[in-house]
Amino acid sequence: LEKIIAPTRVRELIGKLTVLAVFKTVPKSVICGGRIIEGKVKNPCKVKVLRGDTVVTYGDLVNLQSGRQNVTEAVAPSEVGLEIKCESVIQAGDTLEFFVEK
């Protein structure tokens, strides 16, 4: 018998953001604003929420806005608005890491 090898997924970090404000939280979705501190943010991508060095939750970026315009990409050091599909636990001061899985 041949062994079935599970496909490996590689996460590529594309950017980091500091949350400045949380505007709206509903079950399974958060709308917040923040400043990109490193790299870029692309829509769509995966999001990891960090509080200090602790991973709080994972989610998916649903919408990205810059200057009240919907955009597909924003680069550091701009400020953006985000809608993230995840648990409603994001707080101001959290760090968001954006990555794509390949």
PDB file of N, CA and C in Angstrom:
ATOM      1  N   LEU A   1       0.822  -1.189   0.000  1.00  0.00           N
ATOM      2  CA  LEU A   1       0.000   0.000   0.000  1.00  0.00           C
ATOM      3  C   LEU A   1       0.866   1.253   0.000  1.00  0.00           C
ATOM      4  N   GLU A   2       0.409   2.227  -0.768  1.00  0.00           N
ATOM      5  CA  GLU A   2       1.116   3.499  -0.778  1.00  0.00           C
ATOM      6  C   GLU A   2       0.550   4.395   0.307  1.00  0.00           C
ATOM      7  N   LYS A   3       1.430   5.164   0.897  1.00  0.00           N
ATOM      8  CA  LYS A   3       0.966   6.119   1.898  1.00  0.00           C
ATOM      9  C   LYS A   3       0.337   7.308   1.195  1.00  0.00           C
ATOM     10  N   ILE A   4      -0.757   7.749   1.755  1.00  0.00           N
ATOM     11  CA  ILE A   4      -1.404   8.946   1.214  1.00  0.00           C
ATOM     12  C   ILE A   4      -0.802  10.142   1.924  1.00  0.00           C
ATOM     13  N   ILE A   5      -0.217  10.998   1.141  1.00  0.00           N
ATOM     14  CA  ILE A   5       0.429  12.173   1.711  1.00  0.00           C
ATOM     15  C   ILE A   5      -0.539  13.348   1.637  1.00  0.00           C
ATOM     16  N   ALA A   6      -0.774  13.944   2.791  1.00  0.00           N
ATOM     17  CA  ALA A   6      -1.660  15.109   2.833  1.00  0.00           C
ATOM     18  C   ALA A   6      -0.967  16.281   2.152  1.00  0.00           C
ATOM     19  N   PRO A   7      -1.714  17.048   1.381  1.00  0.00           N
ATOM     20  CA  PRO A   7      -1.098  18.205   0.733  1.00  0.00           C
ATOM     21  C   PRO A   7      -0.622  19.204   1.782  1.00  0.00           C
ATOM     22  N   THR A   8       0.564  19.731   1.576  1.00  0.00           N
ATOM     23  CA  THR A   8       1.098  20.696   2.525  1.00  0.00           C
ATOM     24  C   THR A   8       0.728  22.099   2.094  1.00  0.00           C
ATOM     25  N   ARG A   9       0.340  22.899   3.068  1.00  0.00           N
ATOM     26  CA  ARG A   9      -0.009  24.285   2.805  1.00  0.00           C
ATOM     27  C   ARG A   9       1.074  25.169   3.403  1.00  0.00           C
ATOM     28  N   VAL A  10       1.536  26.097   2.600  1.00  0.00           N
ATOM     29  CA  VAL A  10       2.568  27.018   3.046  1.00  0.00           C
ATOM     30  C   VAL A  10       1.937  28.391   3.215  1.00  0.00           C
ATOM     31  N   ARG A  11       2.150  28.980   4.391  1.00  0.00           N
ATOM     32  CA  ARG A  11       1.621  30.316   4.653  1.00  0.00           C
ATOM     33  C   ARG A  11       2.702  31.340   4.362  1.00  0.00           C
ATOM     34  N   GLU A  12       2.355  32.311   3.513  1.00  0.00           N
ATOM     35  CA  GLU A  12       3.286  33.383   3.179  1.00  0.00           C
ATOM     36  C   GLU A  12       2.773  34.676   3.799  1.00  0.00           C
ATOM     37  N   LEU A  13       3.521  35.210   4.774  1.00  0.00           N
ATOM     38  CA  LEU A  13       3.156  36.458   5.437  1.00  0.00           C
ATOM     39  C   LEU A  13       3.323  37.606   4.450  1.00  0.00           C
ATOM     40  N   ILE A  14       2.248  38.396   4.254  1.00  0.00           N
ATOM     41  CA  ILE A  14       2.337  39.507   3.306  1.00  0.00           C
ATOM     42  C   ILE A  14       2.270  40.868   3.982  1.00  0.00           C
ATOM     43  N   GLY A  15       1.769  40.940   5.233  1.00  0.00           N
ATOM     44  CA  GLY A  15       1.700  42.230   5.897  1.00  0.00           C
ATOM     45  C   GLY A  15       1.232  42.151   7.332  1.00  0.00           C
ATOM     46  N   LYS A  16       1.468  43.280   8.063  1.00  0.00           N
ATOM     47  CA  LYS A  16       1.030  43.397   9.452  1.00  0.00           C
ATOM     48  C   LYS A  16       0.329  44.734   9.634  1.00  0.00           C
ATOM     49  N   LEU A  17      -0.635  44.747  10.552  1.00  0.00           N
ATOM     50  CA  LEU A  17      -1.425  45.941  10.814  1.00  0.00           C
ATOM     51  C   LEU A  17      -1.681  46.054  12.310  1.00  0.00           C
ATOM     52  N   THR A  18      -1.691  47.277  12.827  1.00  0.00           N
ATOM     53  CA  THR A  18      -2.080  47.531  14.209  1.00  0.00           C
ATOM     54  C   THR A  18      -3.497  48.081  14.212  1.00  0.00           C
ATOM     55  N   VAL A  19      -4.375  47.483  14.999  1.00  0.00           N
ATOM     56  CA  VAL A  19      -5.768  47.914  15.081  1.00  0.00           C
ATOM     57  C   VAL A  19      -5.831  49.207  15.897  1.00  0.00           C
ATOM     58  N   LEU A  20      -6.405  50.258  15.294  1.00  0.00           N
ATOM     59  CA  LEU A  20      -6.551  51.540  15.983  1.00  0.00           C
ATOM     60  C   LEU A  20      -7.922  51.681  16.630  1.00  0.00           C
ATOM     61  N   ALA A  21      -8.967  51.133  15.974  1.00  0.00           N
ATOM     62  CA  ALA A  21     -10.332  51.246  16.505  1.00  0.00           C
ATOM     63  C   ALA A  21     -11.188  50.107  15.979  1.00  0.00           C
ATOM     64  N   VAL A  22     -12.136  49.689  16.805  1.00  0.00           N
ATOM     65  CA  VAL A  22     -13.135  48.705  16.393  1.00  0.00           C
ATOM     66  C   VAL A  22     -14.452  49.445  16.284  1.00  0.00           C
ATOM     67  N   PHE A  23     -15.070  49.410  15.095  1.00  0.00           N
ATOM     68  CA  PHE A  23     -16.278  50.191  14.845  1.00  0.00           C
ATOM     69  C   PHE A  23     -17.551  49.401  15.063  1.00  0.00           C
ATOM     70  N   LYS A  24     -17.549  48.139  14.684  1.00  0.00           N
ATOM     71  CA  LYS A  24     -18.778  47.343  14.787  1.00  0.00           C
ATOM     72  C   LYS A  24     -18.409  45.876  14.942  1.00  0.00           C
ATOM     73  N   THR A  25     -19.086  45.223  15.873  1.00  0.00           N
ATOM     74  CA  THR A  25     -18.914  43.787  16.024  1.00  0.00           C
ATOM     75  C   THR A  25     -20.274  43.121  15.998  1.00  0.00           C
ATOM     76  N   VAL A  26     -20.394  42.118  15.180  1.00  0.00           N
ATOM     77  CA  VAL A  26     -21.583  41.275  15.128  1.00  0.00           C
ATOM     78  C   VAL A  26     -21.075  39.839  15.210  1.00  0.00           C
ATOM     79  N   PRO A  27     -21.939  38.898  15.530  1.00  0.00           N
ATOM     80  CA  PRO A  27     -21.449  37.522  15.590  1.00  0.00           C
ATOM     81  C   PRO A  27     -20.772  37.115  14.279  1.00  0.00           C
ATOM     82  N   LYS A  28     -19.541  36.649  14.391  1.00  0.00           N
ATOM     83  CA  LYS A  28     -18.738  36.154  13.266  1.00  0.00           C
ATOM     84  C   LYS A  28     -18.254  37.230  12.295  1.00  0.00           C
ATOM     85  N   SER A  29     -18.277  38.511  12.687  1.00  0.00           N
ATOM     86  CA  SER A  29     -17.776  39.571  11.813  1.00  0.00           C
ATOM     87  C   SER A  29     -17.373  40.794  12.626  1.00  0.00           C
ATOM     88  N   VAL A  30     -16.274  41.443  12.200  1.00  0.00           N
ATOM     89  CA  VAL A  30     -15.767  42.632  12.876  1.00  0.00           C
ATOM     90  C   VAL A  30     -15.405  43.673  11.821  1.00  0.00           C
ATOM     91  N   ILE A  31     -15.805  44.922  12.058  1.00  0.00           N
ATOM     92  CA  ILE A  31     -15.394  46.036  11.217  1.00  0.00           C
ATOM     93  C   ILE A  31     -14.472  46.900  12.066  1.00  0.00           C
ATOM     94  N   CYS A  32     -13.237  47.092  11.583  1.00  0.00           N
ATOM     95  CA  CYS A  32     -12.250  47.836  12.360  1.00  0.00           C
ATOM     96  C   CYS A  32     -11.373  48.669  11.433  1.00  0.00           C
ATOM     97  N   GLY A  33     -10.591  49.531  12.034  1.00  0.00           N
ATOM     98  CA  GLY A  33      -9.662  50.359  11.281  1.00  0.00           C
ATOM     99  C   GLY A  33      -8.283  50.230  11.872  1.00  0.00           C
ATOM    100  N   GLY A  34      -7.256  50.386  11.017  1.00  0.00           N
ATOM    101  CA  GLY A  34      -5.905  50.257  11.521  1.00  0.00           C
ATOM    102  C   GLY A  34      -4.876  50.826  10.574  1.00  0.00           C
ATOM    103  N   ARG A  35      -3.623  50.782  11.022  1.00  0.00           N
ATOM    104  CA  ARG A  35      -2.500  51.294  10.245  1.00  0.00           C
ATOM    105  C   ARG A  35      -1.608  50.119   9.847  1.00  0.00           C
ATOM    106  N   ILE A  36      -1.323  50.014   8.559  1.00  0.00           N
ATOM    107  CA  ILE A  36      -0.430  48.966   8.074  1.00  0.00           C
ATOM    108  C   ILE A  36       0.988  49.344   8.493  1.00  0.00           C
ATOM    109  N   ILE A  37       1.655  48.452   9.228  1.00  0.00           N
ATOM    110  CA  ILE A  37       2.984  48.754   9.737  1.00  0.00           C
ATOM    111  C   ILE A  37       4.087  48.045   8.962  1.00  0.00           C
ATOM    112  N   GLU A  38       3.703  47.054   8.161  1.00  0.00           N
ATOM    113  CA  GLU A  38       4.710  46.294   7.424  1.00  0.00           C
ATOM    114  C   GLU A  38       4.054  45.607   6.239  1.00  0.00           C
ATOM    115  N   GLY A  39       4.684  45.643   5.085  1.00  0.00           N
ATOM    116  CA  GLY A  39       4.200  44.922   3.918  1.00  0.00           C
ATOM    117  C   GLY A  39       2.949  45.529   3.323  1.00  0.00           C
ATOM    118  N   LYS A  40       2.002  44.648   2.954  1.00  0.00           N
ATOM    119  CA  LYS A  40       0.767  45.087   2.324  1.00  0.00           C
ATOM    120  C   LYS A  40      -0.383  44.195   2.754  1.00  0.00           C
ATOM    121  N   VAL A  41      -1.586  44.665   2.451  1.00  0.00           N
ATOM    122  CA  VAL A  41      -2.803  43.907   2.725  1.00  0.00           C
ATOM    123  C   VAL A  41      -3.506  43.711   1.393  1.00  0.00           C
ATOM    124  N   LYS A  42      -3.853  42.468   1.087  1.00  0.00           N
ATOM    125  CA  LYS A  42      -4.557  42.155  -0.161  1.00  0.00           C
ATOM    126  C   LYS A  42      -5.904  41.530   0.171  1.00  0.00           C
ATOM    127  N   ASN A  43      -6.900  41.870  -0.610  1.00  0.00           N
ATOM    128  CA  ASN A  43      -8.226  41.286  -0.441  1.00  0.00           C
ATOM    129  C   ASN A  43      -8.478  40.353  -1.614  1.00  0.00           C
ATOM    130  N   PRO A  44      -8.771  39.094  -1.414  1.00  0.00           N
ATOM    131  CA  PRO A  44      -8.978  38.383  -0.148  1.00  0.00           C
ATOM    132  C   PRO A  44      -7.686  37.755   0.355  1.00  0.00           C
ATOM    133  N   CYS A  45      -7.622  37.535   1.670  1.00  0.00           N
ATOM    134  CA  CYS A  45      -6.508  36.811   2.287  1.00  0.00           C
ATOM    135  C   CYS A  45      -6.945  36.332   3.665  1.00  0.00           C
ATOM    136  N   LYS A  46      -6.085  35.583   4.302  1.00  0.00           N
ATOM    137  CA  LYS A  46      -6.340  35.068   5.648  1.00  0.00           C
ATOM    138  C   LYS A  46      -5.743  36.029   6.667  1.00  0.00           C
ATOM    139  N   VAL A  47      -6.329  36.023   7.886  1.00  0.00           N
ATOM    140  CA  VAL A  47      -5.903  36.942   8.936  1.00  0.00           C
ATOM    141  C   VAL A  47      -5.657  36.164  10.227  1.00  0.00           C
ATOM    142  N   LYS A  48      -4.540  36.490  10.889  1.00  0.00           N
ATOM    143  CA  LYS A  48      -4.254  35.944  12.217  1.00  0.00           C
ATOM    144  C   LYS A  48      -4.272  37.118  13.189  1.00  0.00           C
ATOM    145  N   VAL A  49      -5.057  37.001  14.269  1.00  0.00           N
ATOM    146  CA  VAL A  49      -5.186  38.069  15.259  1.00  0.00           C
ATOM    147  C   VAL A  49      -4.279  37.745  16.440  1.00  0.00           C
ATOM    148  N   LEU A  50      -3.362  38.686  16.758  1.00  0.00           N
ATOM    149  CA  LEU A  50      -2.429  38.505  17.865  1.00  0.00           C
ATOM    150  C   LEU A  50      -2.660  39.566  18.927  1.00  0.00           C
ATOM    151  N   ARG A  51      -2.624  39.149  20.174  1.00  0.00           N
ATOM    152  CA  ARG A  51      -2.672  40.077  21.304  1.00  0.00           C
ATOM    153  C   ARG A  51      -1.397  39.821  22.096  1.00  0.00           C
ATOM    154  N   GLY A  52      -0.431  40.735  21.940  1.00  0.00           N
ATOM    155  CA  GLY A  52       0.903  40.461  22.459  1.00  0.00           C
ATOM    156  C   GLY A  52       1.531  39.399  21.568  1.00  0.00           C
ATOM    157  N   ASP A  53       1.960  38.295  22.166  1.00  0.00           N
ATOM    158  CA  ASP A  53       2.511  37.180  21.387  1.00  0.00           C
ATOM    159  C   ASP A  53       1.536  36.009  21.301  1.00  0.00           C
ATOM    160  N   THR A  54       0.317  36.210  21.797  1.00  0.00           N
ATOM    161  CA  THR A  54      -0.675  35.137  21.844  1.00  0.00           C
ATOM    162  C   THR A  54      -1.626  35.217  20.655  1.00  0.00           C
ATOM    163  N   VAL A  55      -1.833  34.087  19.985  1.00  0.00           N
ATOM    164  CA  VAL A  55      -2.799  34.030  18.889  1.00  0.00           C
ATOM    165  C   VAL A  55      -4.194  33.984  19.489  1.00  0.00           C
ATOM    166  N   VAL A  56      -5.045  34.950  19.099  1.00  0.00           N
ATOM    167  CA  VAL A  56      -6.404  35.032  19.627  1.00  0.00           C
ATOM    168  C   VAL A  56      -7.366  34.249  18.737  1.00  0.00           C
ATOM    169  N   THR A  57      -7.300  34.478  17.427  1.00  0.00           N
ATOM    170  CA  THR A  57      -8.180  33.789  16.490  1.00  0.00           C
ATOM    171  C   THR A  57      -7.646  33.942  15.070  1.00  0.00           C
ATOM    172  N   TYR A  58      -8.254  33.208  14.164  1.00  0.00           N
ATOM    173  CA  TYR A  58      -7.971  33.325  12.738  1.00  0.00           C
ATOM    174  C   TYR A  58      -9.250  33.751  12.031  1.00  0.00           C
ATOM    175  N   GLY A  59      -9.122  34.364  10.852  1.00  0.00           N
ATOM    176  CA  GLY A  59     -10.296  34.774  10.104  1.00  0.00           C
ATOM    177  C   GLY A  59      -9.972  35.028   8.648  1.00  0.00           C
ATOM    178  N   ASP A  60     -10.958  35.554   7.929  1.00  0.00           N
ATOM    179  CA  ASP A  60     -10.826  35.872   6.509  1.00  0.00           C
ATOM    180  C   ASP A  60     -11.147  37.339   6.288  1.00  0.00           C
ATOM    181  N   LEU A  61     -10.324  38.006   5.490  1.00  0.00           N
ATOM    182  CA  LEU A  61     -10.588  39.391   5.125  1.00  0.00           C
ATOM    183  C   LEU A  61     -11.697  39.407   4.086  1.00  0.00           C
ATOM    184  N   VAL A  62     -12.779  40.138   4.386  1.00  0.00           N
ATOM    185  CA  VAL A  62     -13.943  40.188   3.506  1.00  0.00           C
ATOM    186  C   VAL A  62     -13.950  41.465   2.678  1.00  0.00           C
ATOM    187  N   ASN A  63     -13.588  42.598   3.311  1.00  0.00           N
ATOM    188  CA  ASN A  63     -13.634  43.888   2.620  1.00  0.00           C
ATOM    189  C   ASN A  63     -12.471  44.746   3.090  1.00  0.00           C
ATOM    190  N   LEU A  64     -11.909  45.534   2.170  1.00  0.00           N
ATOM    191  CA  LEU A  64     -10.783  46.415   2.467  1.00  0.00           C
ATOM    192  C   LEU A  64     -11.083  47.785   1.880  1.00  0.00           C
ATOM    193  N   GLN A  65     -10.962  48.822   2.715  1.00  0.00           N
ATOM    194  CA  GLN A  65     -11.227  50.185   2.257  1.00  0.00           C
ATOM    195  C   GLN A  65     -10.050  51.093   2.601  1.00  0.00           C
ATOM    196  N   SER A  66      -9.757  51.991   1.675  1.00  0.00           N
ATOM    197  CA  SER A  66      -8.747  53.008   1.892  1.00  0.00           C
ATOM    198  C   SER A  66      -9.330  54.322   1.395  1.00  0.00           C
ATOM    199  N   GLY A  67      -9.419  55.313   2.272  1.00  0.00           N
ATOM    200  CA  GLY A  67     -10.020  56.584   1.882  1.00  0.00           C
ATOM    201  C   GLY A  67     -11.481  56.442   1.487  1.00  0.00           C
ATOM    202  N   ARG A  68     -12.208  55.589   2.176  1.00  0.00           N
ATOM    203  CA  ARG A  68     -13.639  55.304   1.946  1.00  0.00           C
ATOM    204  C   ARG A  68     -13.924  54.701   0.567  1.00  0.00           C
ATOM    205  N   GLN A  69     -12.901  54.197  -0.089  1.00  0.00           N
ATOM    206  CA  GLN A  69     -13.050  53.512  -1.374  1.00  0.00           C
ATOM    207  C   GLN A  69     -12.691  52.042  -1.188  1.00  0.00           C
ATOM    208  N   ASN A  70     -13.488  51.152  -1.763  1.00  0.00           N
ATOM    209  CA  ASN A  70     -13.155  49.735  -1.726  1.00  0.00           C
ATOM    210  C   ASN A  70     -11.927  49.508  -2.608  1.00  0.00           C
ATOM    211  N   VAL A  71     -10.923  48.829  -2.065  1.00  0.00           N
ATOM    212  CA  VAL A  71      -9.693  48.546  -2.796  1.00  0.00           C
ATOM    213  C   VAL A  71      -9.356  47.069  -2.643  1.00  0.00           C
ATOM    214  N   THR A  72      -8.476  46.571  -3.511  1.00  0.00           N
ATOM    215  CA  THR A  72      -8.050  45.177  -3.417  1.00  0.00           C
ATOM    216  C   THR A  72      -6.692  45.048  -2.753  1.00  0.00           C
ATOM    217  N   GLU A  73      -5.966  46.175  -2.636  1.00  0.00           N
ATOM    218  CA  GLU A  73      -4.637  46.130  -2.031  1.00  0.00           C
ATOM    219  C   GLU A  73      -4.274  47.484  -1.440  1.00  0.00           C
ATOM    220  N   ALA A  74      -3.585  47.475  -0.301  1.00  0.00           N
ATOM    221  CA  ALA A  74      -3.077  48.689   0.326  1.00  0.00           C
ATOM    222  C   ALA A  74      -1.709  48.364   0.913  1.00  0.00           C
ATOM    223  N   VAL A  75      -0.785  49.348   0.868  1.00  0.00           N
ATOM    224  CA  VAL A  75       0.575  49.118   1.335  1.00  0.00           C
ATOM    225  C   VAL A  75       0.900  50.028   2.519  1.00  0.00           C
ATOM    226  N   ALA A  76       1.954  49.640   3.275  1.00  0.00           N
ATOM    227  CA  ALA A  76       2.400  50.432   4.421  1.00  0.00           C
ATOM    228  C   ALA A  76       2.922  51.771   3.922  1.00  0.00           C
ATOM    229  N   PRO A  77       2.742  52.843   4.648  1.00  0.00           N
ATOM    230  CA  PRO A  77       2.176  53.021   5.988  1.00  0.00           C
ATOM    231  C   PRO A  77       0.773  53.611   5.954  1.00  0.00           C
ATOM    232  N   SER A  78      -0.119  53.100   5.161  1.00  0.00           N
ATOM    233  CA  SER A  78      -1.458  53.692   5.037  1.00  0.00           C
ATOM    234  C   SER A  78      -2.408  53.181   6.123  1.00  0.00           C
ATOM    235  N   GLU A  79      -3.497  53.950   6.314  1.00  0.00           N
ATOM    236  CA  GLU A  79      -4.560  53.551   7.232  1.00  0.00           C
ATOM    237  C   GLU A  79      -5.725  53.024   6.413  1.00  0.00           C
ATOM    238  N   VAL A  80      -6.324  51.935   6.879  1.00  0.00           N
ATOM    239  CA  VAL A  80      -7.376  51.262   6.133  1.00  0.00           C
ATOM    240  C   VAL A  80      -8.516  50.854   7.059  1.00  0.00           C
ATOM    241  N   GLY A  81      -9.658  50.572   6.443  1.00  0.00           N
ATOM    242  CA  GLY A  81     -10.795  49.985   7.133  1.00  0.00           C
ATOM    243  C   GLY A  81     -10.939  48.549   6.671  1.00  0.00           C
ATOM    244  N   LEU A  82     -11.314  47.663   7.584  1.00  0.00           N
ATOM    245  CA  LEU A  82     -11.377  46.237   7.293  1.00  0.00           C
ATOM    246  C   LEU A  82     -12.671  45.629   7.787  1.00  0.00           C
ATOM    247  N   GLU A  83     -13.168  44.678   7.042  1.00  0.00           N
ATOM    248  CA  GLU A  83     -14.230  43.805   7.548  1.00  0.00           C
ATOM    249  C   GLU A  83     -13.658  42.404   7.544  1.00  0.00           C
ATOM    250  N   ILE A  84     -13.647  41.791   8.729  1.00  0.00           N
ATOM    251  CA  ILE A  84     -13.034  40.484   8.893  1.00  0.00           C
ATOM    252  C   ILE A  84     -14.079  39.504   9.396  1.00  0.00           C
ATOM    253  N   LYS A  85     -14.148  38.364   8.734  1.00  0.00           N
ATOM    254  CA  LYS A  85     -15.061  37.298   9.134  1.00  0.00           C
ATOM    255  C   LYS A  85     -14.318  36.402  10.125  1.00  0.00           C
ATOM    256  N   CYS A  86     -14.640  36.593  11.429  1.00  0.00           N
ATOM    257  CA  CYS A  86     -13.983  35.831  12.491  1.00  0.00           C
ATOM    258  C   CYS A  86     -14.788  36.002  13.774  1.00  0.00           C
ATOM    259  N   GLU A  87     -14.292  35.428  14.860  1.00  0.00           N
ATOM    260  CA  GLU A  87     -14.920  35.637  16.158  1.00  0.00           C
ATOM    261  C   GLU A  87     -14.799  37.115  16.525  1.00  0.00           C
ATOM    262  N   SER A  88     -15.781  37.632  17.222  1.00  0.00           N
ATOM    263  CA  SER A  88     -15.814  39.064  17.560  1.00  0.00           C
ATOM    264  C   SER A  88     -14.984  39.363  18.807  1.00  0.00           C
ATOM    265  N   VAL A  89     -13.674  39.145  18.717  1.00  0.00           N
ATOM    266  CA  VAL A  89     -12.801  39.334  19.872  1.00  0.00           C
ATOM    267  C   VAL A  89     -11.695  40.366  19.619  1.00  0.00           C
ATOM    268  N   ILE A  90     -11.691  40.991  18.455  1.00  0.00           N
ATOM    269  CA  ILE A  90     -10.647  41.958  18.119  1.00  0.00           C
ATOM    270  C   ILE A  90     -10.812  43.219  18.953  1.00  0.00           C
ATOM    271  N   GLN A  91      -9.690  43.724  19.475  1.00  0.00           N
ATOM    272  CA  GLN A  91      -9.679  44.937  20.288  1.00  0.00           C
ATOM    273  C   GLN A  91      -8.646  45.912  19.729  1.00  0.00           C
ATOM    274  N   ALA A  92      -8.808  47.200  20.063  1.00  0.00           N
ATOM    275  CA  ALA A  92      -7.812  48.198  19.686  1.00  0.00           C
ATOM    276  C   ALA A  92      -6.476  47.812  20.318  1.00  0.00           C
ATOM    277  N   GLY A  93      -5.414  47.932  19.544  1.00  0.00           N
ATOM    278  CA  GLY A  93      -4.086  47.555  20.019  1.00  0.00           C
ATOM    279  C   GLY A  93      -3.642  46.176  19.565  1.00  0.00           C
ATOM    280  N   ASP A  94      -4.564  45.349  19.077  1.00  0.00           N
ATOM    281  CA  ASP A  94      -4.204  44.031  18.564  1.00  0.00           C
ATOM    282  C   ASP A  94      -3.390  44.177  17.281  1.00  0.00           C
ATOM    283  N   THR A  95      -2.620  43.156  16.975  1.00  0.00           N
ATOM    284  CA  THR A  95      -1.867  43.114  15.724  1.00  0.00           C
ATOM    285  C   THR A  95      -2.513  42.076  14.826  1.00  0.00           C
ATOM    286  N   LEU A  96      -2.722  42.448  13.565  1.00  0.00           N
ATOM    287  CA  LEU A  96      -3.265  41.520  12.570  1.00  0.00           C
ATOM    288  C   LEU A  96      -2.158  41.160  11.600  1.00  0.00           C
ATOM    289  N   GLU A  97      -1.977  39.864  11.351  1.00  0.00           N
ATOM    290  CA  GLU A  97      -1.030  39.416  10.352  1.00  0.00           C
ATOM    291  C   GLU A  97      -1.823  38.856   9.180  1.00  0.00           C
ATOM    292  N   PHE A  98      -1.470  39.285   7.980  1.00  0.00           N
ATOM    293  CA  PHE A  98      -2.163  38.863   6.770  1.00  0.00           C
ATOM    294  C   PHE A  98      -1.274  37.890   6.007  1.00  0.00           C
ATOM    295  N   PHE A  99      -1.872  36.794   5.559  1.00  0.00           N
ATOM    296  CA  PHE A  99      -1.090  35.799   4.835  1.00  0.00           C
ATOM    297  C   PHE A  99      -1.940  35.121   3.771  1.00  0.00           C
ATOM    298  N   VAL A 100      -1.245  34.547   2.793  1.00  0.00           N
ATOM    299  CA  VAL A 100      -1.901  33.753   1.772  1.00  0.00           C
ATOM    300  C   VAL A 100      -1.385  32.327   1.917  1.00  0.00           C
ATOM    301  N   GLU A 101      -2.260  31.371   1.644  1.00  0.00           N
ATOM    302  CA  GLU A 101      -1.877  29.957   1.711  1.00  0.00           C
ATOM    303  C   GLU A 101      -1.650  29.450   0.312  1.00  0.00           C
ATOM    304  N   LYS A 102      -0.550  28.755   0.135  1.00  0.00           N
ATOM    305  CA  LYS A 102      -0.219  28.197  -1.180  1.00  0.00           C
ATOM    306  C   LYS A 102      -0.107  26.704  -1.081  1.00  0.00           C
TER     307      LYS A 102
END
